[in-house]
Amino acid sequence: MANVNATLRNATGATSVRWRTRWLKGLTGLIVGLTVCCAYAQPAGQQSPALSLDVQGKIANTNDAAHRAYHFSESQLLALPVHAITTSTTWTPRSTFTGPRLADILKIVGSYGTKIEFHTFDDYTYTVPVADCARYGVIVAYSMNGQRLKLSDFGPLFLIYPRDAFPDELTGAAGDSKFVWQIKALIVK
């Protein structure tokens, strides 16, 4: 054990960089690389799902093989007439939300119910009356201030009411509960 501070020798016997220093440099590079990589990656649970919407229940029109639901793809949702509501919510400052009217979605599926049950990616369920479509011109927003909504910021779909235009009716706990976000499906009842 005369020389505990081991050195590496190449095939000709010449001394090279000490193995500990080389090992630490490599480990440091690996840690830096992983840190940079992970800083740009989102956890799988936080990635935004594709823009889509499934509608089932009391509907006359379906497009799935079992004839139970109407699946709106991203291209179908984006092809619908776009409407805007500029309003504040409890969670956002005054912003412009854009997307199709809920009434347009219900018309395409041939809805004949009186209530709509919303289902979200975070397992929240809330029911609103179909009459809200005519009264408030409710939209199913996919963007806020020109930016596509992500799962981390109320997306991919966010039910928006014109709260600022109806402050007496759409503020407080009862009004706030109508603003459903992270929507993935509706059931017409």
N, C-alpha and C. Protein backbone atom coordinates (compact mmCIF):
# COMPACT_ATOMS: atom_id res chain seq x y z
N MET A 1 0.82 -1.18 0.00
CA MET A 1 0.00 0.00 0.00
C MET A 1 0.86 1.24 0.00
N ALA A 2 1.91 1.18 -0.70
CA ALA A 2 2.84 2.30 -0.75
C ALA A 2 2.20 3.51 -1.40
N ASN A 3 1.45 3.32 -2.45
CA ASN A 3 0.85 4.45 -3.14
C ASN A 3 -0.67 4.24 -3.19
N VAL A 4 -1.38 4.71 -2.17
CA VAL A 4 -2.83 4.54 -2.08
C VAL A 4 -3.52 5.44 -3.09
N ASN A 5 -2.98 6.58 -3.39
CA ASN A 5 -3.55 7.49 -4.36
C ASN A 5 -3.25 6.92 -5.74
N ALA A 6 -4.08 5.99 -6.18
CA ALA A 6 -3.83 5.23 -7.40
C ALA A 6 -3.88 6.11 -8.63
N THR A 7 -3.07 5.76 -9.58
CA THR A 7 -3.09 6.41 -10.88
C THR A 7 -3.28 5.36 -11.93
N LEU A 8 -3.83 5.78 -13.04
CA LEU A 8 -4.03 4.86 -14.15
C LEU A 8 -2.84 4.92 -15.09
N ARG A 9 -2.49 3.81 -15.64
CA ARG A 9 -1.40 3.78 -16.60
C ARG A 9 -1.96 3.25 -17.90
N ASN A 10 -1.48 3.82 -19.00
CA ASN A 10 -1.94 3.31 -20.29
C ASN A 10 -1.13 2.08 -20.66
N ALA A 11 -1.37 1.55 -21.82
CA ALA A 11 -0.72 0.30 -22.23
C ALA A 11 0.80 0.39 -22.22
N THR A 12 1.35 1.57 -22.41
CA THR A 12 2.81 1.71 -22.41
C THR A 12 3.36 1.94 -21.02
N GLY A 13 2.46 2.06 -20.02
CA GLY A 13 2.92 2.23 -18.66
C GLY A 13 2.99 3.67 -18.21
N ALA A 14 2.64 4.65 -19.08
CA ALA A 14 2.71 6.06 -18.70
C ALA A 14 1.55 6.41 -17.77
N THR A 15 1.79 7.29 -16.84
CA THR A 15 0.75 7.71 -15.89
C THR A 15 -0.22 8.66 -16.58
N SER A 16 -1.52 8.46 -16.36
CA SER A 16 -2.55 9.36 -16.92
C SER A 16 -3.22 10.12 -15.79
N VAL A 17 -4.29 10.80 -16.08
CA VAL A 17 -5.03 11.58 -15.09
C VAL A 17 -5.48 10.66 -13.96
N ARG A 18 -5.43 11.16 -12.77
CA ARG A 18 -5.84 10.34 -11.65
C ARG A 18 -7.30 9.91 -11.83
N TRP A 19 -7.58 8.67 -11.53
CA TRP A 19 -8.92 8.13 -11.76
C TRP A 19 -9.99 8.84 -10.95
N ARG A 20 -9.68 9.27 -9.75
CA ARG A 20 -10.68 9.94 -8.91
C ARG A 20 -11.10 11.27 -9.53
N THR A 21 -10.17 12.04 -10.02
CA THR A 21 -10.47 13.31 -10.64
C THR A 21 -11.30 13.10 -11.89
N ARG A 22 -10.93 12.15 -12.70
CA ARG A 22 -11.68 11.85 -13.92
C ARG A 22 -13.09 11.39 -13.57
N TRP A 23 -13.22 10.57 -12.58
CA TRP A 23 -14.52 10.05 -12.17
C TRP A 23 -15.42 11.18 -11.68
N LEU A 24 -14.87 12.09 -10.87
CA LEU A 24 -15.65 13.21 -10.35
C LEU A 24 -16.08 14.16 -11.47
N LYS A 25 -15.21 14.41 -12.43
CA LYS A 25 -15.58 15.25 -13.57
C LYS A 25 -16.71 14.62 -14.36
N GLY A 26 -16.63 13.32 -14.57
CA GLY A 26 -17.69 12.62 -15.30
C GLY A 26 -19.01 12.66 -14.55
N LEU A 27 -18.97 12.45 -13.25
CA LEU A 27 -20.17 12.48 -12.43
C LEU A 27 -20.77 13.88 -12.43
N THR A 28 -19.94 14.90 -12.32
CA THR A 28 -20.42 16.28 -12.36
C THR A 28 -21.10 16.58 -13.69
N GLY A 29 -20.51 16.14 -14.77
CA GLY A 29 -21.11 16.34 -16.10
C GLY A 29 -22.46 15.64 -16.21
N LEU A 30 -22.54 14.45 -15.67
CA LEU A 30 -23.79 13.70 -15.70
C LEU A 30 -24.87 14.43 -14.90
N ILE A 31 -24.52 14.91 -13.73
CA ILE A 31 -25.49 15.62 -12.88
C ILE A 31 -25.97 16.90 -13.56
N VAL A 32 -25.05 17.66 -14.13
CA VAL A 32 -25.42 18.89 -14.83
C VAL A 32 -26.33 18.57 -16.01
N GLY A 33 -25.99 17.55 -16.77
CA GLY A 33 -26.80 17.16 -17.92
C GLY A 33 -28.20 16.74 -17.52
N LEU A 34 -28.32 15.94 -16.48
CA LEU A 34 -29.64 15.52 -16.00
C LEU A 34 -30.44 16.69 -15.46
N THR A 35 -29.79 17.61 -14.78
CA THR A 35 -30.47 18.78 -14.25
C THR A 35 -31.06 19.62 -15.37
N VAL A 36 -30.28 19.87 -16.41
CA VAL A 36 -30.76 20.65 -17.54
C VAL A 36 -31.90 19.93 -18.24
N CYS A 37 -31.73 18.65 -18.45
CA CYS A 37 -32.76 17.85 -19.11
C CYS A 37 -34.07 17.88 -18.32
N CYS A 38 -33.99 17.66 -17.03
CA CYS A 38 -35.17 17.60 -16.18
C CYS A 38 -35.83 18.96 -16.02
N ALA A 39 -35.07 20.02 -16.13
CA ALA A 39 -35.65 21.36 -16.00
C ALA A 39 -36.62 21.65 -17.13
N TYR A 40 -36.42 21.05 -18.29
CA TYR A 40 -37.29 21.28 -19.43
C TYR A 40 -38.37 20.23 -19.57
N ALA A 41 -38.30 19.15 -18.88
CA ALA A 41 -39.29 18.08 -18.99
C ALA A 41 -40.41 18.30 -17.98
N GLN A 42 -41.66 17.96 -18.39
CA GLN A 42 -42.78 18.00 -17.48
C GLN A 42 -43.05 16.60 -17.01
N PRO A 43 -43.48 16.44 -15.78
CA PRO A 43 -43.88 15.11 -15.35
C PRO A 43 -45.04 14.63 -16.20
N ALA A 44 -45.14 13.33 -16.40
CA ALA A 44 -46.17 12.75 -17.26
C ALA A 44 -47.57 13.20 -16.84
N GLY A 45 -47.82 13.33 -15.57
CA GLY A 45 -49.13 13.73 -15.09
C GLY A 45 -49.45 15.19 -15.38
N GLN A 46 -48.45 16.01 -15.69
CA GLN A 46 -48.67 17.42 -15.93
C GLN A 46 -48.73 17.78 -17.41
N GLN A 47 -48.48 16.84 -18.29
CA GLN A 47 -48.54 17.14 -19.71
C GLN A 47 -49.98 17.36 -20.12
N SER A 48 -50.20 18.33 -20.97
CA SER A 48 -51.55 18.62 -21.41
C SER A 48 -52.03 17.57 -22.39
N PRO A 49 -53.23 17.06 -22.15
CA PRO A 49 -53.80 16.10 -23.09
C PRO A 49 -54.19 16.82 -24.37
N ALA A 50 -54.42 16.05 -25.41
CA ALA A 50 -54.84 16.62 -26.68
C ALA A 50 -56.18 17.33 -26.50
N LEU A 51 -56.40 18.34 -27.29
CA LEU A 51 -57.66 19.07 -27.25
C LEU A 51 -58.73 18.17 -27.86
N SER A 52 -59.66 17.73 -27.04
CA SER A 52 -60.75 16.87 -27.49
C SER A 52 -61.88 16.96 -26.47
N LEU A 53 -63.04 16.45 -26.85
CA LEU A 53 -64.19 16.48 -25.96
C LEU A 53 -65.11 15.32 -26.32
N ASP A 54 -65.54 14.57 -25.32
CA ASP A 54 -66.50 13.50 -25.52
C ASP A 54 -67.84 13.93 -24.94
N VAL A 55 -68.90 13.74 -25.72
CA VAL A 55 -70.25 14.08 -25.29
C VAL A 55 -71.10 12.83 -25.39
N GLN A 56 -71.82 12.54 -24.33
CA GLN A 56 -72.71 11.38 -24.33
C GLN A 56 -73.98 11.71 -23.57
N GLY A 57 -74.87 10.75 -23.46
CA GLY A 57 -76.13 10.96 -22.75
C GLY A 57 -77.27 11.14 -23.73
N LYS A 58 -78.11 12.13 -23.49
CA LYS A 58 -79.29 12.38 -24.32
C LYS A 58 -78.88 13.17 -25.57
N ILE A 59 -78.28 12.44 -26.51
CA ILE A 59 -77.85 13.04 -27.78
C ILE A 59 -78.34 12.16 -28.93
N ALA A 60 -78.69 12.80 -30.03
CA ALA A 60 -79.20 12.08 -31.21
C ALA A 60 -78.07 11.67 -32.15
N ASN A 61 -76.98 12.40 -32.15
CA ASN A 61 -75.89 12.14 -33.09
C ASN A 61 -74.66 11.60 -32.36
N THR A 62 -74.14 10.50 -32.89
CA THR A 62 -72.92 9.91 -32.32
C THR A 62 -71.94 9.65 -33.45
N ASN A 63 -70.67 9.49 -33.10
CA ASN A 63 -69.67 9.16 -34.13
C ASN A 63 -68.70 8.10 -33.63
N ASP A 64 -69.04 7.41 -32.56
CA ASP A 64 -68.20 6.31 -32.09
C ASP A 64 -68.80 4.98 -32.55
N ALA A 65 -68.02 3.94 -32.50
CA ALA A 65 -68.45 2.63 -32.99
C ALA A 65 -69.64 2.07 -32.21
N ALA A 66 -69.73 2.36 -30.93
CA ALA A 66 -70.81 1.83 -30.10
C ALA A 66 -72.08 2.69 -30.17
N HIS A 67 -72.02 3.80 -30.88
CA HIS A 67 -73.15 4.73 -31.01
C HIS A 67 -73.65 5.24 -29.66
N ARG A 68 -72.70 5.55 -28.80
CA ARG A 68 -73.04 6.07 -27.47
C ARG A 68 -72.51 7.48 -27.23
N ALA A 69 -71.54 7.92 -28.01
CA ALA A 69 -70.90 9.21 -27.74
C ALA A 69 -70.55 9.92 -29.04
N TYR A 70 -70.34 11.19 -28.90
CA TYR A 70 -69.82 12.00 -29.99
C TYR A 70 -68.46 12.49 -29.53
N HIS A 71 -67.42 12.11 -30.26
CA HIS A 71 -66.06 12.52 -29.91
C HIS A 71 -65.65 13.68 -30.81
N PHE A 72 -65.37 14.82 -30.21
CA PHE A 72 -64.84 15.97 -30.93
C PHE A 72 -63.33 15.91 -30.89
N SER A 73 -62.71 15.85 -32.04
CA SER A 73 -61.25 15.91 -32.12
C SER A 73 -60.83 17.38 -32.06
N GLU A 74 -59.53 17.59 -31.98
CA GLU A 74 -59.02 18.97 -31.96
C GLU A 74 -59.44 19.72 -33.22
N SER A 75 -59.31 19.09 -34.37
CA SER A 75 -59.67 19.78 -35.62
C SER A 75 -61.16 20.11 -35.67
N GLN A 76 -62.00 19.24 -35.13
CA GLN A 76 -63.44 19.52 -35.11
C GLN A 76 -63.77 20.67 -34.16
N LEU A 77 -63.13 20.70 -33.01
CA LEU A 77 -63.36 21.81 -32.07
C LEU A 77 -62.88 23.13 -32.65
N LEU A 78 -61.73 23.11 -33.29
CA LEU A 78 -61.18 24.35 -33.85
C LEU A 78 -61.96 24.82 -35.07
N ALA A 79 -62.70 23.91 -35.72
CA ALA A 79 -63.50 24.27 -36.90
C ALA A 79 -64.82 24.93 -36.52
N LEU A 80 -65.23 24.81 -35.27
CA LEU A 80 -66.47 25.44 -34.83
C LEU A 80 -66.31 26.96 -34.79
N PRO A 81 -67.41 27.71 -34.97
CA PRO A 81 -67.31 29.17 -34.87
C PRO A 81 -66.71 29.58 -33.53
N VAL A 82 -65.78 30.51 -33.58
CA VAL A 82 -65.08 30.96 -32.38
C VAL A 82 -65.77 32.19 -31.81
N HIS A 83 -66.00 32.16 -30.51
CA HIS A 83 -66.62 33.28 -29.81
C HIS A 83 -65.70 33.68 -28.66
N ALA A 84 -65.81 34.92 -28.24
CA ALA A 84 -64.96 35.42 -27.18
C ALA A 84 -65.80 36.01 -26.05
N ILE A 85 -65.33 35.80 -24.84
CA ILE A 85 -65.90 36.44 -23.66
C ILE A 85 -64.73 37.07 -22.92
N THR A 86 -64.84 38.38 -22.68
CA THR A 86 -63.83 39.08 -21.90
C THR A 86 -64.42 39.29 -20.51
N THR A 87 -63.80 38.68 -19.55
CA THR A 87 -64.32 38.72 -18.18
C THR A 87 -63.20 38.35 -17.20
N SER A 88 -63.45 38.60 -15.94
CA SER A 88 -62.55 38.12 -14.89
C SER A 88 -63.20 36.89 -14.27
N THR A 89 -62.40 36.12 -13.59
CA THR A 89 -62.91 35.02 -12.79
C THR A 89 -62.26 35.14 -11.42
N THR A 90 -62.64 34.31 -10.51
CA THR A 90 -62.02 34.32 -9.19
C THR A 90 -60.53 33.97 -9.30
N TRP A 91 -60.16 33.23 -10.35
CA TRP A 91 -58.80 32.71 -10.47
C TRP A 91 -57.96 33.45 -11.51
N THR A 92 -58.59 34.29 -12.32
CA THR A 92 -57.86 35.00 -13.38
C THR A 92 -58.24 36.48 -13.37
N PRO A 93 -57.31 37.33 -13.79
CA PRO A 93 -57.68 38.73 -13.99
C PRO A 93 -58.57 38.84 -15.23
N ARG A 94 -59.07 40.02 -15.49
CA ARG A 94 -59.89 40.23 -16.68
C ARG A 94 -59.09 39.78 -17.90
N SER A 95 -59.65 38.82 -18.63
CA SER A 95 -58.97 38.21 -19.76
C SER A 95 -59.97 37.93 -20.86
N THR A 96 -59.46 37.70 -22.05
CA THR A 96 -60.32 37.32 -23.17
C THR A 96 -60.18 35.83 -23.41
N PHE A 97 -61.28 35.13 -23.25
CA PHE A 97 -61.34 33.69 -23.46
C PHE A 97 -62.01 33.42 -24.79
N THR A 98 -61.48 32.46 -25.54
CA THR A 98 -62.08 32.13 -26.84
C THR A 98 -62.30 30.63 -26.97
N GLY A 99 -63.34 30.31 -27.72
CA GLY A 99 -63.70 28.93 -27.98
C GLY A 99 -65.11 28.87 -28.54
N PRO A 100 -65.61 27.68 -28.80
CA PRO A 100 -66.97 27.56 -29.33
C PRO A 100 -68.01 27.77 -28.24
N ARG A 101 -69.20 28.16 -28.65
CA ARG A 101 -70.30 28.25 -27.70
C ARG A 101 -70.73 26.84 -27.32
N LEU A 102 -71.08 26.67 -26.08
CA LEU A 102 -71.61 25.39 -25.62
C LEU A 102 -72.85 25.03 -26.42
N ALA A 103 -73.66 26.00 -26.76
CA ALA A 103 -74.87 25.76 -27.56
C ALA A 103 -74.55 25.15 -28.91
N ASP A 104 -73.44 25.57 -29.54
CA ASP A 104 -73.04 25.01 -30.84
C ASP A 104 -72.66 23.54 -30.70
N ILE A 105 -71.96 23.21 -29.62
CA ILE A 105 -71.57 21.82 -29.37
C ILE A 105 -72.83 20.97 -29.18
N LEU A 106 -73.77 21.47 -28.37
CA LEU A 106 -75.00 20.73 -28.11
C LEU A 106 -75.85 20.56 -29.37
N LYS A 107 -75.82 21.55 -30.24
CA LYS A 107 -76.57 21.46 -31.50
C LYS A 107 -75.99 20.36 -32.39
N ILE A 108 -74.69 20.28 -32.51
CA ILE A 108 -74.04 19.27 -33.35
C ILE A 108 -74.39 17.86 -32.88
N VAL A 109 -74.42 17.65 -31.57
CA VAL A 109 -74.69 16.30 -31.06
C VAL A 109 -76.19 16.00 -30.99
N GLY A 110 -77.02 16.98 -31.29
CA GLY A 110 -78.46 16.76 -31.23
C GLY A 110 -78.95 16.55 -29.80
N SER A 111 -78.51 17.41 -28.92
CA SER A 111 -78.85 17.31 -27.50
C SER A 111 -80.35 17.51 -27.29
N TYR A 112 -80.94 16.70 -26.43
CA TYR A 112 -82.35 16.87 -26.08
C TYR A 112 -82.57 16.79 -24.57
N GLY A 113 -81.54 17.05 -23.80
CA GLY A 113 -81.65 17.05 -22.34
C GLY A 113 -81.81 18.45 -21.80
N THR A 114 -81.95 18.55 -20.49
CA THR A 114 -82.12 19.85 -19.84
C THR A 114 -80.93 20.23 -18.94
N LYS A 115 -80.03 19.28 -18.73
CA LYS A 115 -78.86 19.53 -17.88
C LYS A 115 -77.62 18.96 -18.56
N ILE A 116 -76.47 19.55 -18.22
CA ILE A 116 -75.19 19.07 -18.74
C ILE A 116 -74.27 18.82 -17.55
N GLU A 117 -73.80 17.59 -17.45
CA GLU A 117 -72.87 17.22 -16.40
C GLU A 117 -71.46 17.25 -16.98
N PHE A 118 -70.60 18.08 -16.40
CA PHE A 118 -69.21 18.23 -16.86
C PHE A 118 -68.31 17.31 -16.06
N HIS A 119 -67.39 16.64 -16.75
CA HIS A 119 -66.40 15.79 -16.11
C HIS A 119 -65.02 16.34 -16.47
N THR A 120 -64.12 16.35 -15.49
CA THR A 120 -62.81 16.96 -15.68
C THR A 120 -61.68 15.95 -15.45
N PHE A 121 -60.49 16.35 -15.87
CA PHE A 121 -59.31 15.51 -15.69
C PHE A 121 -58.94 15.33 -14.22
N ASP A 122 -59.35 16.27 -13.36
CA ASP A 122 -59.05 16.12 -11.94
C ASP A 122 -60.24 15.54 -11.17
N ASP A 123 -61.11 14.84 -11.87
CA ASP A 123 -62.26 14.11 -11.31
C ASP A 123 -63.30 15.00 -10.63
N TYR A 124 -63.42 16.22 -11.07
CA TYR A 124 -64.49 17.10 -10.60
C TYR A 124 -65.68 16.91 -11.51
N THR A 125 -66.88 16.95 -10.95
CA THR A 125 -68.11 16.83 -11.73
C THR A 125 -69.04 17.95 -11.30
N TYR A 126 -69.63 18.62 -12.28
CA TYR A 126 -70.58 19.69 -11.97
C TYR A 126 -71.63 19.73 -13.06
N THR A 127 -72.87 20.04 -12.66
CA THR A 127 -73.99 20.07 -13.61
C THR A 127 -74.52 21.49 -13.74
N VAL A 128 -74.74 21.92 -14.98
CA VAL A 128 -75.33 23.22 -15.26
C VAL A 128 -76.58 23.01 -16.12
N PRO A 129 -77.54 23.91 -16.03
CA PRO A 129 -78.72 23.79 -16.87
C PRO A 129 -78.42 24.19 -18.32
N VAL A 130 -79.05 23.51 -19.26
CA VAL A 130 -78.89 23.85 -20.67
C VAL A 130 -79.34 25.30 -20.91
N ALA A 131 -80.29 25.77 -20.13
CA ALA A 131 -80.80 27.14 -20.27
C ALA A 131 -79.69 28.19 -20.12
N ASP A 132 -78.59 27.86 -19.44
CA ASP A 132 -77.47 28.81 -19.31
C ASP A 132 -76.88 29.17 -20.67
N CYS A 133 -77.00 28.26 -21.63
CA CYS A 133 -76.45 28.54 -22.98
C CYS A 133 -77.13 29.77 -23.58
N ALA A 134 -78.44 29.82 -23.52
CA ALA A 134 -79.17 30.95 -24.10
C ALA A 134 -79.05 32.20 -23.23
N ARG A 135 -79.10 32.03 -21.93
CA ARG A 135 -79.08 33.19 -21.04
C ARG A 135 -77.74 33.91 -21.04
N TYR A 136 -76.64 33.15 -21.01
CA TYR A 136 -75.32 33.76 -20.85
C TYR A 136 -74.40 33.65 -22.07
N GLY A 137 -74.75 32.85 -23.07
CA GLY A 137 -73.85 32.67 -24.21
C GLY A 137 -72.55 31.99 -23.81
N VAL A 138 -72.65 31.01 -22.95
CA VAL A 138 -71.50 30.30 -22.37
C VAL A 138 -70.60 29.73 -23.47
N ILE A 139 -69.30 29.82 -23.28
CA ILE A 139 -68.35 29.21 -24.22
C ILE A 139 -67.53 28.14 -23.53
N VAL A 140 -67.00 27.25 -24.34
CA VAL A 140 -66.05 26.24 -23.88
C VAL A 140 -64.70 26.70 -24.43
N ALA A 141 -63.98 27.45 -23.60
CA ALA A 141 -62.76 28.12 -24.05
C ALA A 141 -61.58 27.16 -24.13
N TYR A 142 -60.79 27.34 -25.19
CA TYR A 142 -59.52 26.61 -25.32
C TYR A 142 -58.33 27.56 -25.33
N SER A 143 -58.61 28.88 -25.25
CA SER A 143 -57.50 29.82 -25.15
C SER A 143 -57.88 31.00 -24.26
N MET A 144 -56.85 31.61 -23.68
CA MET A 144 -57.00 32.79 -22.84
C MET A 144 -55.96 33.80 -23.30
N ASN A 145 -56.43 34.97 -23.69
CA ASN A 145 -55.55 36.04 -24.19
C ASN A 145 -54.67 35.54 -25.34
N GLY A 146 -55.24 34.73 -26.20
CA GLY A 146 -54.54 34.25 -27.38
C GLY A 146 -53.61 33.07 -27.15
N GLN A 147 -53.51 32.59 -25.92
CA GLN A 147 -52.63 31.47 -25.59
C GLN A 147 -53.47 30.23 -25.31
N ARG A 148 -53.10 29.11 -25.91
CA ARG A 148 -53.81 27.86 -25.70
C ARG A 148 -53.73 27.46 -24.25
N LEU A 149 -54.85 27.08 -23.67
CA LEU A 149 -54.89 26.65 -22.27
C LEU A 149 -54.25 25.27 -22.12
N LYS A 150 -53.44 25.13 -21.10
CA LYS A 150 -52.79 23.86 -20.78
C LYS A 150 -53.44 23.30 -19.52
N LEU A 151 -53.17 22.05 -19.26
CA LEU A 151 -53.72 21.41 -18.07
C LEU A 151 -53.32 22.17 -16.81
N SER A 152 -52.14 22.75 -16.81
CA SER A 152 -51.65 23.49 -15.64
C SER A 152 -52.28 24.87 -15.49
N ASP A 153 -52.99 25.35 -16.52
CA ASP A 153 -53.65 26.65 -16.41
C ASP A 153 -55.08 26.59 -16.94
N PHE A 154 -55.86 25.71 -16.36
CA PHE A 154 -57.30 25.59 -16.58
C PHE A 154 -57.71 24.82 -17.83
N GLY A 155 -56.78 24.36 -18.62
CA GLY A 155 -57.11 23.70 -19.88
C GLY A 155 -57.22 22.21 -19.76
N PRO A 156 -57.43 21.56 -20.84
CA PRO A 156 -57.47 22.13 -22.19
C PRO A 156 -58.76 22.88 -22.52
N LEU A 157 -59.84 22.64 -21.75
CA LEU A 157 -61.11 23.34 -21.97
C LEU A 157 -61.62 23.91 -20.65
N PHE A 158 -62.16 25.12 -20.72
CA PHE A 158 -62.58 25.87 -19.53
C PHE A 158 -63.95 26.47 -19.83
N LEU A 159 -64.97 26.11 -19.05
CA LEU A 159 -66.31 26.66 -19.22
C LEU A 159 -66.32 28.09 -18.71
N ILE A 160 -66.64 29.02 -19.62
CA ILE A 160 -66.58 30.45 -19.27
C ILE A 160 -67.94 31.10 -19.42
N TYR A 161 -68.32 31.80 -18.37
CA TYR A 161 -69.52 32.63 -18.32
C TYR A 161 -69.08 34.09 -18.34
N PRO A 162 -69.93 34.99 -18.84
CA PRO A 162 -69.58 36.43 -18.82
C PRO A 162 -69.85 37.03 -17.43
N ARG A 163 -69.02 36.67 -16.49
CA ARG A 163 -69.22 37.06 -15.09
C ARG A 163 -69.32 38.57 -14.90
N ASP A 164 -68.48 39.31 -15.59
CA ASP A 164 -68.49 40.76 -15.41
C ASP A 164 -69.79 41.40 -15.90
N ALA A 165 -70.45 40.76 -16.85
CA ALA A 165 -71.71 41.29 -17.38
C ALA A 165 -72.89 40.95 -16.47
N PHE A 166 -72.73 39.93 -15.62
CA PHE A 166 -73.80 39.49 -14.72
C PHE A 166 -73.24 39.32 -13.30
N PRO A 167 -72.70 40.38 -12.71
CA PRO A 167 -72.04 40.23 -11.40
C PRO A 167 -72.97 39.76 -10.29
N ASP A 168 -74.24 40.15 -10.34
CA ASP A 168 -75.17 39.74 -9.28
C ASP A 168 -75.49 38.25 -9.36
N GLU A 169 -75.39 37.67 -10.54
CA GLU A 169 -75.76 36.26 -10.74
C GLU A 169 -74.56 35.31 -10.75
N LEU A 170 -73.40 35.81 -11.13
CA LEU A 170 -72.27 34.91 -11.37
C LEU A 170 -71.08 35.13 -10.45
N THR A 171 -71.29 35.77 -9.31
CA THR A 171 -70.20 35.90 -8.33
C THR A 171 -70.58 35.12 -7.09
N GLY A 172 -69.63 34.91 -6.23
CA GLY A 172 -69.85 34.12 -5.03
C GLY A 172 -69.68 32.64 -5.32
N ALA A 173 -69.89 31.83 -4.33
CA ALA A 173 -69.66 30.38 -4.44
C ALA A 173 -70.52 29.74 -5.52
N ALA A 174 -71.79 30.11 -5.61
CA ALA A 174 -72.68 29.52 -6.61
C ALA A 174 -72.23 29.87 -8.02
N GLY A 175 -71.81 31.10 -8.23
CA GLY A 175 -71.33 31.50 -9.54
C GLY A 175 -69.98 30.88 -9.87
N ASP A 176 -69.08 30.85 -8.90
CA ASP A 176 -67.75 30.28 -9.12
C ASP A 176 -67.82 28.81 -9.52
N SER A 177 -68.75 28.08 -8.97
CA SER A 177 -68.83 26.64 -9.26
C SER A 177 -69.17 26.35 -10.71
N LYS A 178 -69.74 27.31 -11.42
CA LYS A 178 -70.07 27.12 -12.84
C LYS A 178 -68.84 27.18 -13.75
N PHE A 179 -67.77 27.79 -13.28
CA PHE A 179 -66.55 27.91 -14.07
C PHE A 179 -65.75 26.61 -13.94
N VAL A 180 -66.09 25.67 -14.78
CA VAL A 180 -65.47 24.34 -14.72
C VAL A 180 -64.26 24.33 -15.66
N TRP A 181 -63.11 23.86 -15.15
CA TRP A 181 -61.92 23.78 -16.00
C TRP A 181 -61.42 22.36 -16.09
N GLN A 182 -60.44 22.15 -16.95
CA GLN A 182 -59.86 20.83 -17.25
C GLN A 182 -60.94 19.86 -17.74
N ILE A 183 -61.86 20.37 -18.55
CA ILE A 183 -62.99 19.57 -19.04
C ILE A 183 -62.50 18.50 -20.02
N LYS A 184 -63.01 17.28 -19.84
CA LYS A 184 -62.72 16.20 -20.78
C LYS A 184 -63.98 15.60 -21.39
N ALA A 185 -65.13 15.72 -20.71
CA ALA A 185 -66.36 15.10 -21.22
C ALA A 185 -67.60 15.78 -20.66
N LEU A 186 -68.70 15.62 -21.38
CA LEU A 186 -70.01 16.09 -20.94
C LEU A 186 -70.99 14.94 -21.05
N ILE A 187 -71.94 14.93 -20.14
CA ILE A 187 -73.06 14.00 -20.23
C ILE A 187 -74.32 14.83 -20.21
N VAL A 188 -75.10 14.73 -21.28
CA VAL A 188 -76.36 15.47 -21.37
C VAL A 188 -77.42 14.65 -20.66
N LYS A 189 -78.14 15.28 -19.74
CA LYS A 189 -79.16 14.57 -18.95
C LYS A 189 -80.52 15.19 -19.14
